[in-house]
Amino acid sequence: MTRLSLVLLLAVMASAMYLVHTQYESRRLYTELHRALAESRQLATEYQRLQVEKRAQATPLRVERLARDRLNMRMATPAITQYVTDEGRAGAPATTAVATGPGKAPS
């Protein structure tokens, strides 16, 4: 009878240790899940902020200002437009407009 009691006591102790381990893992995973959800919300907020910033940076007025200031681009006017004819190729348009700057040859 003593052996049976000892085996049952060991089984109960092993079962209790397994239960404690399982509860610990459950709590750890629950905490990790909530951290991941908080990070997901933070990343979604950051993504939305970046999308708004991207739309603000790509406004036509800003793009035109950057092209004019940084790239020294300007609107094509008839004064700087040269017309090149392409008579040698069949099906090609008869005239092509090429805008060049002063002193630049058409490419």
N, C-alpha and C. Protein backbone atom coordinates (compact mmCIF):
# COMPACT_ATOMS: atom_id res chain seq x y z
N MET A 1 0.82 -1.18 0.00
CA MET A 1 0.00 0.00 0.00
C MET A 1 0.87 1.26 0.00
N THR A 2 1.99 1.22 0.64
CA THR A 2 2.87 2.36 0.73
C THR A 2 3.43 2.71 -0.64
N ARG A 3 3.75 1.69 -1.43
CA ARG A 3 4.25 1.95 -2.79
C ARG A 3 3.20 2.63 -3.65
N LEU A 4 1.98 2.16 -3.54
CA LEU A 4 0.90 2.76 -4.31
C LEU A 4 0.70 4.22 -3.89
N SER A 5 0.77 4.49 -2.61
CA SER A 5 0.61 5.86 -2.12
C SER A 5 1.75 6.74 -2.63
N LEU A 6 2.97 6.20 -2.64
CA LEU A 6 4.12 6.95 -3.11
C LEU A 6 3.99 7.25 -4.61
N VAL A 7 3.54 6.30 -5.39
CA VAL A 7 3.35 6.52 -6.84
C VAL A 7 2.26 7.56 -7.08
N LEU A 8 1.17 7.46 -6.34
CA LEU A 8 0.09 8.43 -6.48
C LEU A 8 0.55 9.83 -6.04
N LEU A 9 1.35 9.92 -4.98
CA LEU A 9 1.87 11.21 -4.53
C LEU A 9 2.76 11.83 -5.61
N LEU A 10 3.62 11.03 -6.22
CA LEU A 10 4.48 11.52 -7.31
C LEU A 10 3.65 11.96 -8.52
N ALA A 11 2.60 11.24 -8.83
CA ALA A 11 1.73 11.60 -9.95
C ALA A 11 1.03 12.93 -9.67
N VAL A 12 0.55 13.12 -8.44
CA VAL A 12 -0.12 14.36 -8.07
C VAL A 12 0.88 15.53 -8.12
N MET A 13 2.10 15.33 -7.64
CA MET A 13 3.12 16.37 -7.66
C MET A 13 3.49 16.74 -9.11
N ALA A 14 3.65 15.74 -9.96
CA ALA A 14 3.98 16.00 -11.37
C ALA A 14 2.84 16.74 -12.03
N SER A 15 1.62 16.35 -11.73
CA SER A 15 0.45 17.02 -12.30
C SER A 15 0.38 18.47 -11.83
N ALA A 16 0.68 18.73 -10.57
CA ALA A 16 0.65 20.09 -10.03
C ALA A 16 1.74 20.94 -10.68
N MET A 17 2.93 20.36 -10.84
CA MET A 17 4.03 21.11 -11.48
C MET A 17 3.68 21.43 -12.94
N TYR A 18 3.06 20.48 -13.63
CA TYR A 18 2.66 20.72 -15.02
C TYR A 18 1.60 21.82 -15.09
N LEU A 19 0.66 21.82 -14.14
CA LEU A 19 -0.38 22.84 -14.09
C LEU A 19 0.23 24.23 -13.86
N VAL A 20 1.18 24.34 -12.95
CA VAL A 20 1.83 25.62 -12.69
C VAL A 20 2.57 26.10 -13.93
N HIS A 21 3.29 25.18 -14.59
CA HIS A 21 4.03 25.53 -15.80
C HIS A 21 3.07 26.00 -16.91
N THR A 22 1.97 25.32 -17.07
CA THR A 22 0.98 25.68 -18.10
C THR A 22 0.37 27.05 -17.82
N GLN A 23 0.05 27.34 -16.57
CA GLN A 23 -0.50 28.65 -16.22
C GLN A 23 0.53 29.75 -16.47
N TYR A 24 1.78 29.49 -16.14
CA TYR A 24 2.84 30.47 -16.38
C TYR A 24 2.97 30.76 -17.88
N GLU A 25 3.01 29.73 -18.70
CA GLU A 25 3.11 29.90 -20.15
C GLU A 25 1.89 30.64 -20.71
N SER A 26 0.72 30.35 -20.17
CA SER A 26 -0.50 31.01 -20.62
C SER A 26 -0.43 32.51 -20.32
N ARG A 27 0.00 32.87 -19.14
CA ARG A 27 0.12 34.29 -18.78
C ARG A 27 1.18 34.99 -19.62
N ARG A 28 2.31 34.31 -19.84
CA ARG A 28 3.37 34.90 -20.65
C ARG A 28 2.89 35.14 -22.08
N LEU A 29 2.18 34.17 -22.66
CA LEU A 29 1.68 34.33 -24.03
C LEU A 29 0.60 35.41 -24.11
N TYR A 30 -0.23 35.52 -23.07
CA TYR A 30 -1.26 36.54 -23.03
C TYR A 30 -0.62 37.93 -23.02
N THR A 31 0.42 38.10 -22.20
CA THR A 31 1.14 39.38 -22.14
C THR A 31 1.81 39.68 -23.48
N GLU A 32 2.42 38.67 -24.09
CA GLU A 32 3.07 38.86 -25.40
C GLU A 32 2.05 39.25 -26.47
N LEU A 33 0.87 38.64 -26.42
CA LEU A 33 -0.19 38.98 -27.37
C LEU A 33 -0.59 40.44 -27.23
N HIS A 34 -0.77 40.91 -26.01
CA HIS A 34 -1.17 42.31 -25.81
C HIS A 34 -0.07 43.28 -26.23
N ARG A 35 1.18 42.91 -26.02
CA ARG A 35 2.27 43.76 -26.51
C ARG A 35 2.26 43.82 -28.04
N ALA A 36 2.03 42.68 -28.67
CA ALA A 36 1.99 42.65 -30.14
C ALA A 36 0.82 43.47 -30.67
N LEU A 37 -0.32 43.40 -30.01
CA LEU A 37 -1.47 44.19 -30.44
C LEU A 37 -1.21 45.68 -30.27
N ALA A 38 -0.56 46.07 -29.18
CA ALA A 38 -0.23 47.48 -28.97
C ALA A 38 0.75 47.95 -30.04
N GLU A 39 1.73 47.13 -30.36
CA GLU A 39 2.69 47.50 -31.41
C GLU A 39 2.00 47.60 -32.77
N SER A 40 1.05 46.70 -33.01
CA SER A 40 0.30 46.73 -34.26
C SER A 40 -0.50 48.03 -34.39
N ARG A 41 -1.14 48.45 -33.31
CA ARG A 41 -1.88 49.71 -33.33
C ARG A 41 -0.94 50.89 -33.55
N GLN A 42 0.23 50.85 -32.92
CA GLN A 42 1.20 51.92 -33.08
C GLN A 42 1.69 51.98 -34.52
N LEU A 43 1.97 50.82 -35.12
CA LEU A 43 2.43 50.79 -36.51
C LEU A 43 1.34 51.25 -37.47
N ALA A 44 0.09 50.91 -37.19
CA ALA A 44 -1.01 51.37 -38.04
C ALA A 44 -1.14 52.89 -37.97
N THR A 45 -0.99 53.44 -36.78
CA THR A 45 -1.05 54.90 -36.62
C THR A 45 0.10 55.56 -37.37
N GLU A 46 1.30 55.00 -37.25
CA GLU A 46 2.47 55.54 -37.94
C GLU A 46 2.29 55.47 -39.46
N TYR A 47 1.71 54.36 -39.94
CA TYR A 47 1.46 54.20 -41.38
C TYR A 47 0.49 55.27 -41.87
N GLN A 48 -0.58 55.51 -41.13
CA GLN A 48 -1.54 56.53 -41.52
C GLN A 48 -0.90 57.91 -41.53
N ARG A 49 -0.05 58.20 -40.53
CA ARG A 49 0.64 59.49 -40.48
C ARG A 49 1.56 59.65 -41.69
N LEU A 50 2.26 58.59 -42.04
CA LEU A 50 3.16 58.66 -43.19
C LEU A 50 2.38 58.82 -44.50
N GLN A 51 1.22 58.20 -44.60
CA GLN A 51 0.40 58.37 -45.80
C GLN A 51 -0.07 59.82 -45.94
N VAL A 52 -0.49 60.42 -44.82
CA VAL A 52 -0.91 61.83 -44.85
C VAL A 52 0.27 62.71 -45.25
N GLU A 53 1.45 62.42 -44.68
CA GLU A 53 2.63 63.21 -45.02
C GLU A 53 3.01 63.04 -46.49
N LYS A 54 2.88 61.83 -47.00
CA LYS A 54 3.18 61.56 -48.41
C LYS A 54 2.24 62.36 -49.32
N ARG A 55 0.95 62.36 -48.98
CA ARG A 55 0.00 63.14 -49.78
C ARG A 55 0.31 64.63 -49.71
N ALA A 56 0.73 65.10 -48.55
CA ALA A 56 1.06 66.52 -48.40
C ALA A 56 2.30 66.87 -49.22
N GLN A 57 3.26 65.96 -49.30
CA GLN A 57 4.49 66.23 -50.04
C GLN A 57 4.28 66.18 -51.55
N ALA A 58 3.25 65.49 -52.01
CA ALA A 58 3.05 65.30 -53.44
C ALA A 58 2.01 66.24 -54.04
N THR A 59 1.71 67.34 -53.38
CA THR A 59 0.74 68.27 -53.96
C THR A 59 1.33 68.90 -55.22
N PRO A 60 0.50 69.17 -56.22
CA PRO A 60 1.00 69.72 -57.48
C PRO A 60 1.77 71.03 -57.29
N LEU A 61 1.32 71.88 -56.40
CA LEU A 61 1.99 73.17 -56.18
C LEU A 61 3.40 72.95 -55.64
N ARG A 62 3.55 72.03 -54.69
CA ARG A 62 4.87 71.75 -54.12
C ARG A 62 5.80 71.13 -55.17
N VAL A 63 5.28 70.20 -55.95
CA VAL A 63 6.10 69.56 -57.00
C VAL A 63 6.56 70.61 -58.01
N GLU A 64 5.66 71.50 -58.40
CA GLU A 64 6.02 72.54 -59.36
C GLU A 64 7.08 73.47 -58.77
N ARG A 65 6.92 73.83 -57.50
CA ARG A 65 7.90 74.72 -56.86
C ARG A 65 9.27 74.05 -56.77
N LEU A 66 9.30 72.76 -56.41
CA LEU A 66 10.57 72.05 -56.33
C LEU A 66 11.22 71.92 -57.71
N ALA A 67 10.42 71.66 -58.74
CA ALA A 67 10.96 71.54 -60.09
C ALA A 67 11.55 72.88 -60.53
N ARG A 68 10.90 73.95 -60.19
CA ARG A 68 11.38 75.27 -60.59
C ARG A 68 12.63 75.68 -59.79
N ASP A 69 12.61 75.46 -58.46
CA ASP A 69 13.70 75.93 -57.61
C ASP A 69 14.91 75.01 -57.62
N ARG A 70 14.71 73.74 -57.38
CA ARG A 70 15.85 72.83 -57.26
C ARG A 70 16.37 72.32 -58.58
N LEU A 71 15.46 72.07 -59.52
CA LEU A 71 15.88 71.48 -60.80
C LEU A 71 16.01 72.52 -61.91
N ASN A 72 15.71 73.77 -61.59
CA ASN A 72 15.77 74.86 -62.57
C ASN A 72 14.94 74.56 -63.81
N MET A 73 13.78 73.97 -63.63
CA MET A 73 12.89 73.69 -64.75
C MET A 73 11.93 74.86 -64.92
N ARG A 74 11.39 75.00 -66.11
CA ARG A 74 10.41 76.05 -66.35
C ARG A 74 9.41 75.56 -67.38
N MET A 75 8.33 76.29 -67.50
CA MET A 75 7.27 75.91 -68.44
C MET A 75 7.78 76.08 -69.87
N ALA A 76 7.36 75.21 -70.77
CA ALA A 76 7.73 75.31 -72.18
C ALA A 76 6.92 76.43 -72.83
N THR A 77 7.62 77.32 -73.51
CA THR A 77 6.96 78.42 -74.21
C THR A 77 7.32 78.31 -75.68
N PRO A 78 6.55 78.95 -76.55
CA PRO A 78 6.88 78.91 -77.98
C PRO A 78 8.26 79.47 -78.29
N ALA A 79 8.78 80.35 -77.44
CA ALA A 79 10.09 80.95 -77.69
C ALA A 79 11.22 79.93 -77.56
N ILE A 80 11.04 78.89 -76.74
CA ILE A 80 12.11 77.91 -76.56
C ILE A 80 11.76 76.56 -77.16
N THR A 81 10.71 76.48 -77.97
CA THR A 81 10.30 75.23 -78.59
C THR A 81 10.81 75.18 -80.02
N GLN A 82 11.48 74.08 -80.34
CA GLN A 82 11.95 73.87 -81.70
C GLN A 82 11.18 72.69 -82.27
N TYR A 83 10.80 72.81 -83.54
CA TYR A 83 10.05 71.75 -84.20
C TYR A 83 10.98 70.96 -85.09
N VAL A 84 11.00 69.65 -84.95
CA VAL A 84 11.87 68.77 -85.72
C VAL A 84 10.95 67.91 -86.59
N THR A 85 11.22 67.88 -87.88
CA THR A 85 10.39 67.07 -88.78
C THR A 85 11.04 65.71 -88.96
N ASP A 86 10.21 64.72 -89.14
CA ASP A 86 10.68 63.34 -89.34
C ASP A 86 10.02 62.83 -90.61
N GLU A 87 10.63 63.10 -91.72
CA GLU A 87 10.03 62.76 -93.01
C GLU A 87 10.47 61.39 -93.50
N GLY A 88 11.52 60.82 -92.95
CA GLY A 88 12.08 59.57 -93.47
C GLY A 88 11.34 58.32 -93.03
N ARG A 89 10.58 58.35 -91.96
CA ARG A 89 9.94 57.14 -91.45
C ARG A 89 8.46 57.15 -91.78
N ALA A 90 7.99 56.02 -92.24
CA ALA A 90 6.56 55.89 -92.56
C ALA A 90 5.77 55.71 -91.27
N GLY A 91 4.66 56.37 -91.15
CA GLY A 91 3.78 56.23 -90.00
C GLY A 91 4.21 57.08 -88.81
N ALA A 92 5.36 57.73 -88.89
CA ALA A 92 5.81 58.59 -87.80
C ALA A 92 5.11 59.94 -87.91
N PRO A 93 4.90 60.62 -86.80
CA PRO A 93 4.27 61.94 -86.88
C PRO A 93 5.15 62.88 -87.69
N ALA A 94 4.51 63.78 -88.38
CA ALA A 94 5.25 64.69 -89.27
C ALA A 94 6.07 65.70 -88.48
N THR A 95 5.60 66.11 -87.32
CA THR A 95 6.31 67.14 -86.56
C THR A 95 6.34 66.76 -85.10
N THR A 96 7.46 66.99 -84.46
CA THR A 96 7.61 66.74 -83.04
C THR A 96 8.14 68.00 -82.39
N ALA A 97 7.54 68.39 -81.26
CA ALA A 97 8.00 69.58 -80.55
C ALA A 97 9.02 69.17 -79.51
N VAL A 98 10.14 69.88 -79.48
CA VAL A 98 11.18 69.63 -78.49
C VAL A 98 11.48 70.94 -77.80
N ALA A 99 11.33 70.97 -76.47
CA ALA A 99 11.61 72.19 -75.72
C ALA A 99 13.06 72.15 -75.29
N THR A 100 13.80 73.20 -75.60
CA THR A 100 15.20 73.28 -75.20
C THR A 100 15.43 74.61 -74.53
N GLY A 101 16.48 74.69 -73.79
CA GLY A 101 16.85 75.95 -73.15
C GLY A 101 17.69 76.77 -74.09
N PRO A 102 17.97 78.00 -73.74
CA PRO A 102 18.80 78.85 -74.60
C PRO A 102 20.20 78.25 -74.72
N GLY A 103 20.69 78.14 -75.95
CA GLY A 103 22.00 77.63 -76.20
C GLY A 103 22.10 76.12 -76.20
N LYS A 104 20.99 75.41 -76.01
CA LYS A 104 21.02 73.95 -75.97
C LYS A 104 20.49 73.41 -77.29
N ALA A 105 21.09 72.36 -77.78
CA ALA A 105 20.61 71.73 -79.00
C ALA A 105 19.54 70.71 -78.63
N PRO A 106 18.58 70.45 -79.49
CA PRO A 106 17.56 69.45 -79.20
C PRO A 106 18.19 68.07 -79.15
N SER A 107 17.66 67.22 -78.29
CA SER A 107 18.21 65.87 -78.17
C SER A 107 17.41 64.86 -78.93
